[in-house]
């Protein structure tokens, strides 16, 4: 077993950082589920597993709603979930 020693000031800073992270996690976990969650283009593409070009096509055709905020394109998580539900196919056996 290795023993590591640090100064008390450094230790206190580490403890403060951990407490700050813990508070942020609590805040994120307590977010009201009725709040709208917005995703940028990269995050949205990962959710629906589409390429950049296909995502743009779905956006322009109106299949996936979006909003523009300056140069940023944003998607509601609920709209992406609705898109996935619409295209959900159950596997069946013959």
N, C-alpha and C. Protein backbone atom coordinates (compact mmCIF):
# COMPACT_ATOMS: atom_id res chain seq x y z
N UNK A 1 0.84 -1.16 0.00
CA UNK A 1 0.00 0.00 0.00
C UNK A 1 0.89 1.24 0.00
N UNK A 2 0.55 2.22 -0.85
CA UNK A 2 1.30 3.46 -0.91
C UNK A 2 0.61 4.51 -0.05
N UNK A 3 1.39 5.30 0.63
CA UNK A 3 0.85 6.38 1.43
C UNK A 3 1.19 7.69 0.72
N UNK A 4 0.16 8.50 0.51
CA UNK A 4 0.35 9.78 -0.15
C UNK A 4 0.04 10.87 0.85
N UNK A 5 0.92 11.83 0.95
CA UNK A 5 0.68 12.95 1.86
C UNK A 5 0.50 14.22 1.05
N UNK A 6 -0.44 15.06 1.51
CA UNK A 6 -0.65 16.35 0.87
C UNK A 6 -0.85 17.40 1.96
N UNK A 7 -0.65 18.63 1.59
CA UNK A 7 -0.84 19.71 2.54
C UNK A 7 -2.32 19.87 2.84
N UNK A 8 -2.62 20.37 4.01
CA UNK A 8 -4.02 20.50 4.43
C UNK A 8 -4.78 21.46 3.52
N UNK A 9 -4.13 22.50 3.00
CA UNK A 9 -4.81 23.42 2.08
C UNK A 9 -5.23 22.71 0.80
N UNK A 10 -4.36 21.87 0.27
CA UNK A 10 -4.68 21.11 -0.94
C UNK A 10 -5.81 20.14 -0.66
N UNK A 11 -5.77 19.49 0.50
CA UNK A 11 -6.82 18.56 0.90
C UNK A 11 -8.17 19.28 0.97
N UNK A 12 -8.18 20.45 1.61
CA UNK A 12 -9.42 21.23 1.74
C UNK A 12 -9.96 21.65 0.39
N UNK A 13 -9.09 21.98 -0.56
CA UNK A 13 -9.52 22.34 -1.91
C UNK A 13 -10.16 21.15 -2.61
N UNK A 14 -9.58 19.99 -2.42
CA UNK A 14 -10.15 18.77 -3.01
C UNK A 14 -11.54 18.51 -2.43
N UNK A 15 -11.68 18.65 -1.13
CA UNK A 15 -12.98 18.44 -0.48
C UNK A 15 -14.00 19.45 -1.00
N UNK A 16 -13.61 20.71 -1.16
CA UNK A 16 -14.52 21.74 -1.68
C UNK A 16 -14.95 21.39 -3.10
N UNK A 17 -14.02 20.92 -3.91
CA UNK A 17 -14.34 20.54 -5.29
C UNK A 17 -15.33 19.38 -5.32
N UNK A 18 -15.12 18.40 -4.48
CA UNK A 18 -16.03 17.25 -4.43
C UNK A 18 -17.42 17.70 -3.98
N UNK A 19 -17.48 18.57 -3.00
CA UNK A 19 -18.78 19.06 -2.53
C UNK A 19 -19.49 19.87 -3.62
N UNK A 20 -18.73 20.64 -4.38
CA UNK A 20 -19.31 21.43 -5.47
C UNK A 20 -19.89 20.51 -6.55
N UNK A 21 -19.15 19.47 -6.89
CA UNK A 21 -19.62 18.50 -7.88
C UNK A 21 -20.88 17.79 -7.36
N UNK A 22 -20.87 17.45 -6.08
CA UNK A 22 -22.02 16.78 -5.47
C UNK A 22 -23.26 17.67 -5.54
N UNK A 23 -23.11 18.96 -5.27
CA UNK A 23 -24.24 19.89 -5.34
C UNK A 23 -24.77 20.00 -6.77
N UNK A 24 -23.85 20.05 -7.74
CA UNK A 24 -24.28 20.13 -9.14
C UNK A 24 -25.04 18.88 -9.55
N UNK A 25 -24.57 17.72 -9.11
CA UNK A 25 -25.27 16.48 -9.43
C UNK A 25 -26.65 16.45 -8.80
N UNK A 26 -26.76 16.92 -7.56
CA UNK A 26 -28.07 16.98 -6.91
C UNK A 26 -29.00 17.89 -7.69
N UNK A 27 -28.48 19.02 -8.15
CA UNK A 27 -29.29 19.96 -8.92
C UNK A 27 -29.77 19.32 -10.21
N UNK A 28 -28.88 18.62 -10.90
CA UNK A 28 -29.26 17.97 -12.16
C UNK A 28 -30.28 16.87 -11.92
N UNK A 29 -30.15 16.13 -10.85
CA UNK A 29 -31.08 15.04 -10.57
C UNK A 29 -32.44 15.56 -10.14
N UNK A 30 -32.48 16.76 -9.59
CA UNK A 30 -33.74 17.31 -9.11
C UNK A 30 -34.43 18.21 -10.12
N UNK A 31 -33.92 18.24 -11.35
CA UNK A 31 -34.54 19.07 -12.37
C UNK A 31 -35.95 18.56 -12.63
N UNK A 32 -36.87 19.46 -12.70
CA UNK A 32 -38.27 19.11 -12.93
C UNK A 32 -38.40 18.40 -14.27
N UNK A 33 -39.05 17.27 -14.29
CA UNK A 33 -39.18 16.49 -15.52
C UNK A 33 -40.06 17.20 -16.56
N UNK A 34 -40.81 18.23 -16.14
CA UNK A 34 -41.64 18.98 -17.07
C UNK A 34 -40.85 20.03 -17.85
N UNK A 35 -39.61 20.27 -17.44
CA UNK A 35 -38.80 21.26 -18.12
C UNK A 35 -38.36 20.72 -19.48
N UNK A 36 -38.23 21.62 -20.42
CA UNK A 36 -37.81 21.25 -21.77
C UNK A 36 -36.29 21.09 -21.78
N UNK A 37 -35.83 20.01 -22.35
CA UNK A 37 -34.40 19.78 -22.48
C UNK A 37 -34.03 20.01 -23.94
N UNK A 38 -33.09 20.92 -24.18
CA UNK A 38 -32.65 21.26 -25.53
C UNK A 38 -31.30 20.60 -25.79
N UNK A 39 -31.14 20.08 -26.99
CA UNK A 39 -29.89 19.44 -27.40
C UNK A 39 -29.33 20.15 -28.63
N UNK A 40 -28.01 20.25 -28.68
CA UNK A 40 -27.41 20.81 -29.89
C UNK A 40 -27.39 19.73 -30.97
N UNK A 41 -26.91 20.08 -32.14
CA UNK A 41 -26.98 19.16 -33.29
C UNK A 41 -26.20 17.87 -33.03
N UNK A 42 -25.01 17.98 -32.46
CA UNK A 42 -24.20 16.79 -32.20
C UNK A 42 -24.88 15.85 -31.22
N UNK A 43 -25.40 16.41 -30.13
CA UNK A 43 -26.10 15.59 -29.14
C UNK A 43 -27.34 14.94 -29.74
N UNK A 44 -28.09 15.71 -30.51
CA UNK A 44 -29.32 15.19 -31.12
C UNK A 44 -29.02 14.06 -32.10
N UNK A 45 -27.96 14.22 -32.89
CA UNK A 45 -27.60 13.18 -33.85
C UNK A 45 -27.24 11.88 -33.13
N UNK A 46 -26.61 11.98 -31.97
CA UNK A 46 -26.28 10.78 -31.20
C UNK A 46 -27.54 10.09 -30.67
N UNK A 47 -28.52 10.89 -30.28
CA UNK A 47 -29.77 10.32 -29.75
C UNK A 47 -30.50 9.53 -30.82
N UNK A 48 -30.61 10.10 -32.02
CA UNK A 48 -31.37 9.42 -33.07
C UNK A 48 -30.48 8.60 -34.01
N UNK A 49 -29.18 8.63 -33.77
CA UNK A 49 -28.22 7.83 -34.54
C UNK A 49 -28.29 8.11 -36.04
N UNK A 50 -28.20 9.39 -36.39
CA UNK A 50 -28.23 9.79 -37.79
C UNK A 50 -26.94 10.54 -38.15
N UNK A 51 -26.57 10.48 -39.42
CA UNK A 51 -25.41 11.22 -39.89
C UNK A 51 -25.75 12.71 -39.97
N UNK A 52 -24.74 13.53 -40.14
CA UNK A 52 -24.94 14.97 -40.25
C UNK A 52 -25.87 15.30 -41.40
N UNK A 53 -25.63 14.71 -42.55
CA UNK A 53 -26.42 15.00 -43.75
C UNK A 53 -27.86 14.51 -43.59
N UNK A 54 -28.04 13.30 -43.06
CA UNK A 54 -29.39 12.78 -42.87
C UNK A 54 -30.15 13.63 -41.86
N UNK A 55 -29.48 14.07 -40.82
CA UNK A 55 -30.12 14.93 -39.82
C UNK A 55 -30.59 16.23 -40.47
N UNK A 56 -29.75 16.80 -41.33
CA UNK A 56 -30.13 18.03 -42.03
C UNK A 56 -31.34 17.77 -42.94
N UNK A 57 -31.36 16.65 -43.62
CA UNK A 57 -32.49 16.31 -44.49
C UNK A 57 -33.78 16.18 -43.69
N UNK A 58 -33.71 15.50 -42.56
CA UNK A 58 -34.89 15.33 -41.70
C UNK A 58 -35.36 16.67 -41.16
N UNK A 59 -34.40 17.54 -40.88
CA UNK A 59 -34.72 18.88 -40.38
C UNK A 59 -35.42 19.70 -41.46
N UNK A 60 -34.86 19.71 -42.65
CA UNK A 60 -35.42 20.53 -43.73
C UNK A 60 -36.76 20.00 -44.23
N UNK A 61 -36.96 18.68 -44.14
CA UNK A 61 -38.24 18.11 -44.58
C UNK A 61 -39.33 18.30 -43.53
N UNK A 62 -38.94 18.69 -42.32
CA UNK A 62 -39.92 18.90 -41.26
C UNK A 62 -40.17 17.66 -40.42
N UNK A 63 -39.46 16.58 -40.70
CA UNK A 63 -39.66 15.35 -39.92
C UNK A 63 -39.20 15.52 -38.48
N UNK A 64 -38.15 16.30 -38.29
CA UNK A 64 -37.64 16.57 -36.95
C UNK A 64 -37.68 18.08 -36.73
N UNK A 65 -38.55 18.55 -35.82
CA UNK A 65 -38.63 19.98 -35.54
C UNK A 65 -37.34 20.49 -34.89
N UNK A 66 -37.06 21.76 -35.10
CA UNK A 66 -35.85 22.37 -34.55
C UNK A 66 -36.07 23.86 -34.39
N UNK A 67 -35.15 24.50 -33.73
CA UNK A 67 -35.16 25.95 -33.64
C UNK A 67 -33.74 26.44 -33.86
N UNK A 68 -33.64 27.66 -34.33
CA UNK A 68 -32.32 28.26 -34.53
C UNK A 68 -32.16 29.38 -33.53
N UNK A 69 -31.06 29.39 -32.84
CA UNK A 69 -30.73 30.43 -31.89
C UNK A 69 -29.39 30.98 -32.33
N UNK A 70 -29.44 32.08 -33.09
CA UNK A 70 -28.22 32.57 -33.72
C UNK A 70 -27.81 31.58 -34.79
N UNK A 71 -26.60 31.09 -34.70
CA UNK A 71 -26.12 30.09 -35.66
C UNK A 71 -26.31 28.67 -35.14
N UNK A 72 -26.77 28.54 -33.91
CA UNK A 72 -26.93 27.22 -33.30
C UNK A 72 -28.29 26.63 -33.65
N UNK A 73 -28.29 25.36 -33.94
CA UNK A 73 -29.52 24.61 -34.18
C UNK A 73 -29.78 23.78 -32.94
N UNK A 74 -30.99 23.90 -32.42
CA UNK A 74 -31.35 23.18 -31.19
C UNK A 74 -32.60 22.34 -31.40
N UNK A 75 -32.64 21.22 -30.71
CA UNK A 75 -33.76 20.28 -30.80
C UNK A 75 -34.29 20.01 -29.41
N UNK A 76 -35.61 19.84 -29.30
CA UNK A 76 -36.20 19.42 -28.04
C UNK A 76 -36.03 17.91 -27.93
N UNK A 77 -35.66 17.47 -26.75
CA UNK A 77 -35.52 16.03 -26.52
C UNK A 77 -36.85 15.33 -26.76
N UNK A 78 -37.95 15.96 -26.37
CA UNK A 78 -39.27 15.35 -26.56
C UNK A 78 -39.58 15.15 -28.05
N UNK A 79 -39.13 16.08 -28.92
CA UNK A 79 -39.34 15.92 -30.36
C UNK A 79 -38.53 14.76 -30.91
N UNK A 80 -37.32 14.58 -30.40
CA UNK A 80 -36.49 13.47 -30.84
C UNK A 80 -37.08 12.14 -30.39
N UNK A 81 -37.61 12.13 -29.16
CA UNK A 81 -38.26 10.91 -28.67
C UNK A 81 -39.49 10.57 -29.50
N UNK A 82 -40.25 11.60 -29.88
CA UNK A 82 -41.43 11.38 -30.72
C UNK A 82 -41.02 10.82 -32.09
N UNK A 83 -39.94 11.34 -32.65
CA UNK A 83 -39.43 10.85 -33.93
C UNK A 83 -39.06 9.37 -33.81
N UNK A 84 -38.37 9.02 -32.73
CA UNK A 84 -37.98 7.62 -32.53
C UNK A 84 -39.19 6.72 -32.34
N UNK A 85 -40.17 7.18 -31.60
CA UNK A 85 -41.39 6.40 -31.39
C UNK A 85 -42.14 6.18 -32.71
N UNK A 86 -42.17 7.21 -33.53
CA UNK A 86 -42.86 7.12 -34.82
C UNK A 86 -42.20 6.07 -35.72
N UNK A 87 -40.90 5.95 -35.62
CA UNK A 87 -40.15 5.03 -36.47
C UNK A 87 -39.81 3.71 -35.78
N UNK A 88 -40.40 3.49 -34.64
CA UNK A 88 -40.16 2.26 -33.89
C UNK A 88 -40.87 1.10 -34.59
N UNK A 89 -40.13 0.02 -34.78
CA UNK A 89 -40.71 -1.16 -35.41
C UNK A 89 -40.47 -2.35 -34.51
N UNK A 90 -41.52 -3.06 -34.22
CA UNK A 90 -41.40 -4.25 -33.40
C UNK A 90 -40.96 -5.41 -34.29
N UNK A 91 -40.05 -6.19 -33.75
CA UNK A 91 -39.62 -7.39 -34.46
C UNK A 91 -40.68 -8.48 -34.20
N UNK A 92 -40.92 -9.27 -35.19
CA UNK A 92 -41.88 -10.34 -35.02
C UNK A 92 -41.36 -11.61 -35.66
N UNK A 93 -41.88 -12.73 -35.19
CA UNK A 93 -41.48 -14.03 -35.72
C UNK A 93 -42.54 -14.54 -36.66
N UNK A 94 -42.12 -15.19 -37.71
CA UNK A 94 -43.06 -15.79 -38.67
C UNK A 94 -43.48 -17.16 -38.22
